[in-house]
């Protein structure tokens, strides 16, 4: 009895380019995509791991704080000499009170207004939204914060309020 040789072929779905790429190449490609995305958006993004070590810092965030390079691998205490962060009452925040660290602890960081920038300024009005990152089991993996620079909107709003005040004053004097 003669047995025919059978040639096994992978399913058609596995024969494409992705199947030929090693997993490391696929991961590198995804990372390149994510890096390009983060560097393109106009919202500052900063994240940390479960120990508070900065993992991601994009172009917009670096511009807000005057950094020429990212802060990946640093802890908040390592950058307190390089940035100032103030709450809405003008109180300078310590590293443990940075919005990202508050999010890491699981605190609600929703539309938190801060004044921040390089030490001594210039400062920007920033609205921060942050959250803790957990896995399916509830283990804390880190935190992420999105920083929106609203400085120009604040300047325009103040100018509008002043213009309204002047108009009301002019009407009062004219009567």
Protein backbone atom coordinates (compact mmCIF):
# COMPACT_ATOMS: atom_id res chain seq x y z
CA UNK A 1 0.00 0.00 0.00
CA UNK A 2 1.31 3.35 -0.99
CA UNK A 3 0.75 6.44 1.19
CA UNK A 4 0.58 9.77 -0.57
CA UNK A 5 2.76 12.52 0.78
CA UNK A 6 0.80 15.37 2.26
CA UNK A 7 2.22 18.85 2.19
CA UNK A 8 0.87 20.99 5.02
CA UNK A 9 0.36 24.67 4.30
CA UNK A 10 -0.56 27.33 6.81
CA UNK A 11 -4.04 28.78 6.51
CA UNK A 12 -4.36 31.56 3.97
CA UNK A 13 -4.76 34.14 6.77
CA UNK A 14 -1.29 33.29 8.06
CA UNK A 15 0.46 33.47 4.70
CA UNK A 16 0.50 37.27 4.48
CA UNK A 17 3.20 39.75 5.40
CA UNK A 18 2.24 39.81 9.10
CA UNK A 19 2.84 36.07 9.38
CA UNK A 20 6.37 36.49 8.04
CA UNK A 21 7.22 39.25 10.51
CA UNK A 22 8.67 38.12 13.80
CA UNK A 23 6.73 39.27 16.83
CA UNK A 24 9.48 41.76 17.71
CA UNK A 25 9.05 43.47 14.33
CA UNK A 26 5.31 43.70 14.85
CA UNK A 27 5.76 45.20 18.31
CA UNK A 28 8.34 47.67 16.98
CA UNK A 29 5.95 48.69 14.22
CA UNK A 30 3.15 49.29 16.69
CA UNK A 31 5.47 51.32 18.91
CA UNK A 32 6.55 53.45 15.94
CA UNK A 33 2.89 54.08 15.13
CA UNK A 34 2.05 55.04 18.73
CA UNK A 35 5.12 57.29 18.98
CA UNK A 36 4.14 59.14 15.79
CA UNK A 37 0.58 59.54 17.07
CA UNK A 38 1.72 60.91 20.43
CA UNK A 39 4.20 63.33 18.85
CA UNK A 40 1.54 64.68 16.46
CA UNK A 41 -1.32 65.53 18.80
CA UNK A 42 -1.52 68.99 20.37
CA UNK A 43 -2.47 67.72 23.82
CA UNK A 44 0.32 66.97 26.26
CA UNK A 45 0.44 63.34 27.33
CA UNK A 46 2.45 62.06 30.27
CA UNK A 47 2.28 58.67 31.93
CA UNK A 48 4.02 56.72 34.63
CA UNK A 49 4.30 53.13 35.74
CA UNK A 50 3.00 51.76 39.05
CA UNK A 51 6.12 53.06 40.83
CA UNK A 52 5.66 56.63 39.57
CA UNK A 53 8.49 56.42 37.02
CA UNK A 54 7.68 58.47 33.92
CA UNK A 55 7.12 56.26 30.88
CA UNK A 56 5.66 58.57 28.21
CA UNK A 57 6.19 62.27 27.57
CA UNK A 58 5.12 63.66 24.21
CA UNK A 59 6.16 66.75 22.24
CA UNK A 60 3.26 68.92 23.45
CA UNK A 61 4.02 68.09 27.10
CA UNK A 62 7.73 68.80 26.62
CA UNK A 63 6.90 72.18 25.05
CA UNK A 64 4.62 73.12 27.96
CA UNK A 65 7.44 72.57 30.43
CA UNK A 66 10.36 73.69 28.29
CA UNK A 67 11.99 70.27 28.10
CA UNK A 68 14.30 69.59 25.18
CA UNK A 69 14.19 65.85 25.85
CA UNK A 70 11.63 63.51 27.35
CA UNK A 71 11.44 62.66 31.03
CA UNK A 72 11.16 58.89 30.59
CA UNK A 73 12.88 56.97 33.36
CA UNK A 74 12.71 59.84 35.87
CA UNK A 75 10.63 60.08 39.03
CA UNK A 76 8.67 63.23 39.91
CA UNK A 77 11.16 64.29 42.62
CA UNK A 78 13.84 64.40 39.90
CA UNK A 79 12.04 67.15 37.96
CA UNK A 80 10.85 69.42 40.78
CA UNK A 81 13.93 71.57 40.26
CA UNK A 82 13.03 71.95 36.57
CA UNK A 83 9.28 72.72 36.69
CA UNK A 84 6.82 74.72 38.71
CA UNK A 85 3.23 73.52 39.14
CA UNK A 86 0.69 75.66 41.01
CA UNK A 87 -2.89 74.88 42.00
CA UNK A 88 -5.81 77.25 41.25
CA UNK A 89 -5.09 79.17 44.49
CA UNK A 90 -1.46 79.80 43.50
CA UNK A 91 0.07 77.26 45.89
CA UNK A 92 3.14 75.48 44.54
CA UNK A 93 2.59 71.73 44.34
CA UNK A 94 5.11 69.19 45.52
CA UNK A 95 5.88 66.16 43.38
CA UNK A 96 3.40 63.96 45.26
CA UNK A 97 0.63 66.44 44.47
CA UNK A 98 1.26 66.60 40.70
CA UNK A 99 -1.97 65.62 38.93
CA UNK A 100 -0.35 62.47 37.47
CA UNK A 101 0.68 61.26 40.93
CA UNK A 102 -2.81 61.94 42.24
CA UNK A 103 -4.24 59.88 39.37
CA UNK A 104 -1.76 57.10 40.19
CA UNK A 105 -3.20 56.99 43.72
CA UNK A 106 -6.68 56.63 42.21
CA UNK A 107 -7.85 60.17 42.93
CA UNK A 108 -10.30 61.89 40.59
CA UNK A 109 -8.37 64.15 38.24
CA UNK A 110 -11.02 65.63 35.98
CA UNK A 111 -10.59 69.07 34.47
CA UNK A 112 -8.06 70.05 37.12
CA UNK A 113 -6.76 73.58 36.45
CA UNK A 114 -3.08 74.25 37.15
CA UNK A 115 -0.54 76.89 36.25
CA UNK A 116 2.69 75.25 35.17
CA UNK A 117 5.91 75.65 33.25
CA UNK A 118 9.67 75.72 33.60
CA UNK A 119 10.99 77.10 36.89
CA UNK A 120 10.48 80.86 36.85
CA UNK A 121 8.15 80.73 33.84
CA UNK A 122 6.76 81.34 31.40
CA UNK A 123 3.77 79.62 32.88
CA UNK A 124 0.78 78.20 31.04
CA UNK A 125 -2.79 77.65 32.15
CA UNK A 126 -3.28 73.91 31.83
CA UNK A 127 -6.34 71.76 32.32
CA UNK A 128 -5.44 68.20 33.31
CA UNK A 129 -7.49 65.04 32.98
CA UNK A 130 -5.89 61.92 34.40
CA UNK A 131 -6.68 58.42 35.47
CA UNK A 132 -5.17 55.36 37.02
CA UNK A 133 -4.43 52.45 34.68
CA UNK A 134 -5.31 49.00 35.97
CA UNK A 135 -5.37 45.54 34.47
CA UNK A 136 -8.39 43.21 34.39
CA UNK A 137 -7.58 41.97 37.91
CA UNK A 138 -7.53 45.52 39.29
CA UNK A 139 -3.75 45.67 39.72
CA UNK A 140 -2.38 49.19 39.25
CA UNK A 141 -0.17 49.41 36.16
CA UNK A 142 0.38 53.17 36.24
CA UNK A 143 -1.40 56.38 35.34
CA UNK A 144 -1.86 58.71 32.41
CA UNK A 145 -2.65 62.41 32.19
CA UNK A 146 -3.72 64.58 29.28
CA UNK A 147 -2.69 68.23 29.53
CA UNK A 148 -4.56 70.86 27.53
CA UNK A 149 -2.95 74.30 27.27
CA UNK A 150 -5.79 76.83 27.69
CA UNK A 151 -3.57 79.89 28.08
CA UNK A 152 -4.80 81.66 24.95
CA UNK A 153 -8.42 80.99 25.86
CA UNK A 154 -7.83 82.43 29.34
CA UNK A 155 -6.20 85.56 27.88
CA UNK A 156 -9.11 86.04 25.47
CA UNK A 157 -11.63 85.52 28.27
CA UNK A 158 -9.92 88.11 30.49
CA UNK A 159 -9.81 90.58 27.58
CA UNK A 160 -13.52 90.06 26.96
CA UNK A 161 -14.35 90.63 30.63
CA UNK A 162 -12.26 93.83 30.62
CA UNK A 163 -13.91 95.05 27.43
CA UNK A 164 -17.33 94.41 28.96
CA UNK A 165 -16.31 96.30 32.11
CA UNK A 166 -15.17 99.27 30.01
CA UNK A 167 -18.41 99.23 28.01
CA UNK A 168 -20.52 99.20 31.17
CA UNK A 169 -18.42 102.08 32.57
CA UNK A 170 -18.79 104.06 29.33
CA UNK A 171 -22.57 103.58 29.42
CA UNK A 172 -22.68 104.68 33.05
CA UNK A 173 -20.66 107.85 32.34
CA UNK A 174 -22.76 108.61 29.24
CA UNK A 175 -26.05 108.64 31.16
